[in-house]
Amino acid sequence: MADITIKDQVLKAIEEMPPDVTFSDVMDRLYFLYKVDQGLKQVEAGDTISHEEAKKRSETWRK
């Protein structure tokens, strides 16, 4: 199966939005898709942390 292009992802995201969508809504959605893409690339590159490390880091946020 061929990979979907970024252009196709953007067009699909916009087409799925309601007719009264705002520019802000579109930009929010595109930014979300961008961040998901960046995260997936990090995972592919092995740039991840363990669940335990994530728990340790989140503990410091609560202080």
PDB file of N, CA and C in Angstrom:
ATOM      1  N   MET A   1       0.842  -1.180   0.000  1.00  0.00           N
ATOM      2  CA  MET A   1       0.000   0.000   0.000  1.00  0.00           C
ATOM      3  C   MET A   1       0.885   1.240   0.000  1.00  0.00           C
ATOM      4  N   ALA A   2       0.556   2.188  -0.833  1.00  0.00           N
ATOM      5  CA  ALA A   2       1.359   3.403  -0.948  1.00  0.00           C
ATOM      6  C   ALA A   2       1.125   4.312   0.253  1.00  0.00           C
ATOM      7  N   ASP A   3       2.196   4.983   0.645  1.00  0.00           N
ATOM      8  CA  ASP A   3       2.073   5.941   1.743  1.00  0.00           C
ATOM      9  C   ASP A   3       1.246   7.132   1.288  1.00  0.00           C
ATOM     10  N   ILE A   4       0.421   7.627   2.181  1.00  0.00           N
ATOM     11  CA  ILE A   4      -0.370   8.814   1.880  1.00  0.00           C
ATOM     12  C   ILE A   4       0.544  10.035   1.989  1.00  0.00           C
ATOM     13  N   THR A   5       0.430  10.938   1.031  1.00  0.00           N
ATOM     14  CA  THR A   5       1.288  12.120   1.032  1.00  0.00           C
ATOM     15  C   THR A   5       0.794  13.126   2.061  1.00  0.00           C
ATOM     16  N   ILE A   6       1.677  14.010   2.438  1.00  0.00           N
ATOM     17  CA  ILE A   6       1.295  15.071   3.377  1.00  0.00           C
ATOM     18  C   ILE A   6       0.173  15.905   2.776  1.00  0.00           C
ATOM     19  N   LYS A   7       0.294  16.212   1.496  1.00  0.00           N
ATOM     20  CA  LYS A   7      -0.747  16.997   0.821  1.00  0.00           C
ATOM     21  C   LYS A   7      -2.094  16.285   0.926  1.00  0.00           C
ATOM     22  N   ASP A   8      -2.107  14.977   0.693  1.00  0.00           N
ATOM     23  CA  ASP A   8      -3.357  14.220   0.797  1.00  0.00           C
ATOM     24  C   ASP A   8      -3.897  14.220   2.223  1.00  0.00           C
ATOM     25  N   GLN A   9      -3.011  14.126   3.215  1.00  0.00           N
ATOM     26  CA  GLN A   9      -3.437  14.176   4.615  1.00  0.00           C
ATOM     27  C   GLN A   9      -4.088  15.518   4.928  1.00  0.00           C
ATOM     28  N   VAL A  10      -3.471  16.594   4.443  1.00  0.00           N
ATOM     29  CA  VAL A  10      -3.999  17.940   4.692  1.00  0.00           C
ATOM     30  C   VAL A  10      -5.358  18.103   4.028  1.00  0.00           C
ATOM     31  N   LEU A  11      -5.452  17.705   2.766  1.00  0.00           N
ATOM     32  CA  LEU A  11      -6.722  17.833   2.052  1.00  0.00           C
ATOM     33  C   LEU A  11      -7.824  17.019   2.724  1.00  0.00           C
ATOM     34  N   LYS A  12      -7.495  15.801   3.145  1.00  0.00           N
ATOM     35  CA  LYS A  12      -8.486  14.950   3.818  1.00  0.00           C
ATOM     36  C   LYS A  12      -8.946  15.591   5.127  1.00  0.00           C
ATOM     37  N   ALA A  13      -8.000  16.120   5.895  1.00  0.00           N
ATOM     38  CA  ALA A  13      -8.350  16.754   7.170  1.00  0.00           C
ATOM     39  C   ALA A  13      -9.282  17.936   6.949  1.00  0.00           C
ATOM     40  N   ILE A  14      -9.002  18.733   5.935  1.00  0.00           N
ATOM     41  CA  ILE A  14      -9.837  19.905   5.653  1.00  0.00           C
ATOM     42  C   ILE A  14     -11.203  19.477   5.140  1.00  0.00           C
ATOM     43  N   GLU A  15     -11.231  18.482   4.261  1.00  0.00           N
ATOM     44  CA  GLU A  15     -12.509  18.012   3.717  1.00  0.00           C
ATOM     45  C   GLU A  15     -13.418  17.452   4.803  1.00  0.00           C
ATOM     46  N   GLU A  16     -12.847  16.902   5.863  1.00  0.00           N
ATOM     47  CA  GLU A  16     -13.645  16.314   6.943  1.00  0.00           C
ATOM     48  C   GLU A  16     -14.179  17.357   7.922  1.00  0.00           C
ATOM     49  N   MET A  17     -13.751  18.595   7.766  1.00  0.00           N
ATOM     50  CA  MET A  17     -14.189  19.655   8.679  1.00  0.00           C
ATOM     51  C   MET A  17     -15.550  20.196   8.240  1.00  0.00           C
ATOM     52  N   PRO A  18     -16.295  20.761   9.181  1.00  0.00           N
ATOM     53  CA  PRO A  18     -17.616  21.301   8.841  1.00  0.00           C
ATOM     54  C   PRO A  18     -17.500  22.536   7.944  1.00  0.00           C
ATOM     55  N   PRO A  19     -18.574  22.878   7.240  1.00  0.00           N
ATOM     56  CA  PRO A  19     -18.545  24.016   6.315  1.00  0.00           C
ATOM     57  C   PRO A  19     -18.229  25.358   6.990  1.00  0.00           C
ATOM     58  N   ASP A  20     -18.572  25.501   8.252  1.00  0.00           N
ATOM     59  CA  ASP A  20     -18.366  26.781   8.937  1.00  0.00           C
ATOM     60  C   ASP A  20     -17.029  26.843   9.680  1.00  0.00           C
ATOM     61  N   VAL A  21     -16.069  26.032   9.262  1.00  0.00           N
ATOM     62  CA  VAL A  21     -14.764  25.974   9.913  1.00  0.00           C
ATOM     63  C   VAL A  21     -14.050  27.330   9.806  1.00  0.00           C
ATOM     64  N   THR A  22     -13.285  27.651  10.825  1.00  0.00           N
ATOM     65  CA  THR A  22     -12.511  28.898  10.807  1.00  0.00           C
ATOM     66  C   THR A  22     -11.062  28.596  10.430  1.00  0.00           C
ATOM     67  N   PHE A  23     -10.337  29.650  10.048  1.00  0.00           N
ATOM     68  CA  PHE A  23      -8.912  29.475   9.766  1.00  0.00           C
ATOM     69  C   PHE A  23      -8.192  28.938  10.999  1.00  0.00           C
ATOM     70  N   SER A  24      -8.597  29.414  12.150  1.00  0.00           N
ATOM     71  CA  SER A  24      -7.984  28.962  13.397  1.00  0.00           C
ATOM     72  C   SER A  24      -8.197  27.464  13.601  1.00  0.00           C
ATOM     73  N   ASP A  25      -9.405  26.985  13.316  1.00  0.00           N
ATOM     74  CA  ASP A  25      -9.699  25.553  13.425  1.00  0.00           C
ATOM     75  C   ASP A  25      -8.813  24.746  12.481  1.00  0.00           C
ATOM     76  N   VAL A  26      -8.668  25.235  11.258  1.00  0.00           N
ATOM     77  CA  VAL A  26      -7.839  24.547  10.268  1.00  0.00           C
ATOM     78  C   VAL A  26      -6.391  24.502  10.743  1.00  0.00           C
ATOM     79  N   MET A  27      -5.885  25.628  11.209  1.00  0.00           N
ATOM     80  CA  MET A  27      -4.498  25.687  11.660  1.00  0.00           C
ATOM     81  C   MET A  27      -4.274  24.788  12.875  1.00  0.00           C
ATOM     82  N   ASP A  28      -5.236  24.762  13.797  1.00  0.00           N
ATOM     83  CA  ASP A  28      -5.125  23.880  14.965  1.00  0.00           C
ATOM     84  C   ASP A  28      -5.035  22.419  14.529  1.00  0.00           C
ATOM     85  N   ARG A  29      -5.885  22.037  13.595  1.00  0.00           N
ATOM     86  CA  ARG A  29      -5.896  20.649  13.113  1.00  0.00           C
ATOM     87  C   ARG A  29      -4.590  20.309  12.407  1.00  0.00           C
ATOM     88  N   LEU A  30      -4.108  21.218  11.565  1.00  0.00           N
ATOM     89  CA  LEU A  30      -2.860  20.964  10.845  1.00  0.00           C
ATOM     90  C   LEU A  30      -1.681  20.886  11.804  1.00  0.00           C
ATOM     91  N   TYR A  31      -1.683  21.729  12.825  1.00  0.00           N
ATOM     92  CA  TYR A  31      -0.608  21.682  13.812  1.00  0.00           C
ATOM     93  C   TYR A  31      -0.644  20.358  14.571  1.00  0.00           C
ATOM     94  N   PHE A  32      -1.839  19.907  14.908  1.00  0.00           N
ATOM     95  CA  PHE A  32      -1.985  18.615  15.578  1.00  0.00           C
ATOM     96  C   PHE A  32      -1.414  17.491  14.710  1.00  0.00           C
ATOM     97  N   LEU A  33      -1.776  17.475  13.435  1.00  0.00           N
ATOM     98  CA  LEU A  33      -1.271  16.444  12.530  1.00  0.00           C
ATOM     99  C   LEU A  33       0.246  16.519  12.399  1.00  0.00           C
ATOM    100  N   TYR A  34       0.784  17.729  12.371  1.00  0.00           N
ATOM    101  CA  TYR A  34       2.232  17.924  12.302  1.00  0.00           C
ATOM    102  C   TYR A  34       2.916  17.325  13.532  1.00  0.00           C
ATOM    103  N   LYS A  35       2.366  17.611  14.717  1.00  0.00           N
ATOM    104  CA  LYS A  35       2.973  17.110  15.950  1.00  0.00           C
ATOM    105  C   LYS A  35       2.889  15.577  16.027  1.00  0.00           C
ATOM    106  N   VAL A  36       1.793  14.999  15.576  1.00  0.00           N
ATOM    107  CA  VAL A  36       1.674  13.543  15.539  1.00  0.00           C
ATOM    108  C   VAL A  36       2.740  12.970  14.610  1.00  0.00           C
ATOM    109  N   ASP A  37       2.908  13.585  13.444  1.00  0.00           N
ATOM    110  CA  ASP A  37       3.920  13.134  12.490  1.00  0.00           C
ATOM    111  C   ASP A  37       5.318  13.213  13.099  1.00  0.00           C
ATOM    112  N   GLN A  38       5.605  14.303  13.790  1.00  0.00           N
ATOM    113  CA  GLN A  38       6.909  14.458  14.438  1.00  0.00           C
ATOM    114  C   GLN A  38       7.117  13.370  15.493  1.00  0.00           C
ATOM    115  N   GLY A  39       6.093  13.082  16.258  1.00  0.00           N
ATOM    116  CA  GLY A  39       6.180  12.046  17.280  1.00  0.00           C
ATOM    117  C   GLY A  39       6.429  10.666  16.686  1.00  0.00           C
ATOM    118  N   LEU A  40       5.750  10.363  15.596  1.00  0.00           N
ATOM    119  CA  LEU A  40       5.956   9.074  14.939  1.00  0.00           C
ATOM    120  C   LEU A  40       7.377   8.952  14.394  1.00  0.00           C
ATOM    121  N   LYS A  41       7.904  10.054  13.882  1.00  0.00           N
ATOM    122  CA  LYS A  41       9.288  10.047  13.395  1.00  0.00           C
ATOM    123  C   LYS A  41      10.265   9.824  14.546  1.00  0.00           C
ATOM    124  N   GLN A  42       9.970  10.392  15.706  1.00  0.00           N
ATOM    125  CA  GLN A  42      10.818  10.171  16.881  1.00  0.00           C
ATOM    126  C   GLN A  42      10.805   8.702  17.286  1.00  0.00           C
ATOM    127  N   VAL A  43       9.639   8.093  17.259  1.00  0.00           N
ATOM    128  CA  VAL A  43       9.526   6.676  17.609  1.00  0.00           C
ATOM    129  C   VAL A  43      10.335   5.833  16.624  1.00  0.00           C
ATOM    130  N   GLU A  44      10.194   6.115  15.330  1.00  0.00           N
ATOM    131  CA  GLU A  44      10.943   5.366  14.316  1.00  0.00           C
ATOM    132  C   GLU A  44      12.447   5.497  14.526  1.00  0.00           C
ATOM    133  N   ALA A  45      12.891   6.664  14.999  1.00  0.00           N
ATOM    134  CA  ALA A  45      14.316   6.911  15.216  1.00  0.00           C
ATOM    135  C   ALA A  45      14.793   6.356  16.557  1.00  0.00           C
ATOM    136  N   GLY A  46      13.868   5.797  17.337  1.00  0.00           N
ATOM    137  CA  GLY A  46      14.239   5.251  18.635  1.00  0.00           C
ATOM    138  C   GLY A  46      14.392   6.306  19.711  1.00  0.00           C
ATOM    139  N   ASP A  47      13.909   7.497  19.449  1.00  0.00           N
ATOM    140  CA  ASP A  47      14.013   8.611  20.395  1.00  0.00           C
ATOM    141  C   ASP A  47      12.812   8.578  21.339  1.00  0.00           C
ATOM    142  N   THR A  48      12.816   7.600  22.233  1.00  0.00           N
ATOM    143  CA  THR A  48      11.708   7.419  23.170  1.00  0.00           C
ATOM    144  C   THR A  48      12.265   7.209  24.573  1.00  0.00           C
ATOM    145  N   ILE A  49      11.364   7.241  25.543  1.00  0.00           N
ATOM    146  CA  ILE A  49      11.739   6.925  26.921  1.00  0.00           C
ATOM    147  C   ILE A  49      10.794   5.843  27.426  1.00  0.00           C
ATOM    148  N   SER A  50      11.223   5.148  28.460  1.00  0.00           N
ATOM    149  CA  SER A  50      10.397   4.083  29.030  1.00  0.00           C
ATOM    150  C   SER A  50       9.226   4.683  29.810  1.00  0.00           C
ATOM    151  N   HIS A  51       8.260   3.831  30.089  1.00  0.00           N
ATOM    152  CA  HIS A  51       7.111   4.248  30.888  1.00  0.00           C
ATOM    153  C   HIS A  51       7.569   4.698  32.276  1.00  0.00           C
ATOM    154  N   GLU A  52       8.504   3.959  32.840  1.00  0.00           N
ATOM    155  CA  GLU A  52       9.019   4.310  34.172  1.00  0.00           C
ATOM    156  C   GLU A  52       9.690   5.683  34.158  1.00  0.00           C
ATOM    157  N   GLU A  53      10.468   5.964  33.122  1.00  0.00           N
ATOM    158  CA  GLU A  53      11.127   7.271  33.019  1.00  0.00           C
ATOM    159  C   GLU A  53      10.084   8.380  32.866  1.00  0.00           C
ATOM    160  N   ALA A  54       9.049   8.126  32.097  1.00  0.00           N
ATOM    161  CA  ALA A  54       7.979   9.114  31.935  1.00  0.00           C
ATOM    162  C   ALA A  54       7.295   9.390  33.273  1.00  0.00           C
ATOM    163  N   LYS A  55       7.070   8.343  34.059  1.00  0.00           N
ATOM    164  CA  LYS A  55       6.461   8.522  35.381  1.00  0.00           C
ATOM    165  C   LYS A  55       7.362   9.356  36.287  1.00  0.00           C
ATOM    166  N   LYS A  56       8.672   9.079  36.256  1.00  0.00           N
ATOM    167  CA  LYS A  56       9.615   9.853  37.071  1.00  0.00           C
ATOM    168  C   LYS A  56       9.588  11.328  36.680  1.00  0.00           C
ATOM    169  N   ARG A  57       9.603  11.582  35.386  1.00  0.00           N
ATOM    170  CA  ARG A  57       9.599  12.973  34.919  1.00  0.00           C
ATOM    171  C   ARG A  57       8.303  13.685  35.298  1.00  0.00           C
ATOM    172  N   SER A  58       7.187  12.982  35.182  1.00  0.00           N
ATOM    173  CA  SER A  58       5.907  13.622  35.493  1.00  0.00           C
ATOM    174  C   SER A  58       5.776  13.927  36.980  1.00  0.00           C
ATOM    175  N   GLU A  59       6.444  13.164  37.813  1.00  0.00           N
ATOM    176  CA  GLU A  59       6.429  13.444  39.254  1.00  0.00           C
ATOM    177  C   GLU A  59       7.002  14.830  39.537  1.00  0.00           C
ATOM    178  N   THR A  60       8.040  15.206  38.820  1.00  0.00           N
ATOM    179  CA  THR A  60       8.657  16.522  39.052  1.00  0.00           C
ATOM    180  C   THR A  60       7.738  17.653  38.611  1.00  0.00           C
ATOM    181  N   TRP A  61       6.835  17.392  37.685  1.00  0.00           N
ATOM    182  CA  TRP A  61       5.916  18.431  37.210  1.00  0.00           C
ATOM    183  C   TRP A  61       4.874  18.779  38.268  1.00  0.00           C
ATOM    184  N   ARG A  62       4.572  17.844  39.127  1.00  0.00           N
ATOM    185  CA  ARG A  62       3.530  18.049  40.138  1.00  0.00           C
ATOM    186  C   ARG A  62       4.030  18.819  41.347  1.00  0.00           C
ATOM    187  N   LYS A  63       5.323  18.993  41.461  1.00  0.00           N
ATOM    188  CA  LYS A  63       5.892  19.658  42.638  1.00  0.00           C
ATOM    189  C   LYS A  63       5.878  21.153  42.477  1.00  0.00           C
TER     190      LYS A  63
END
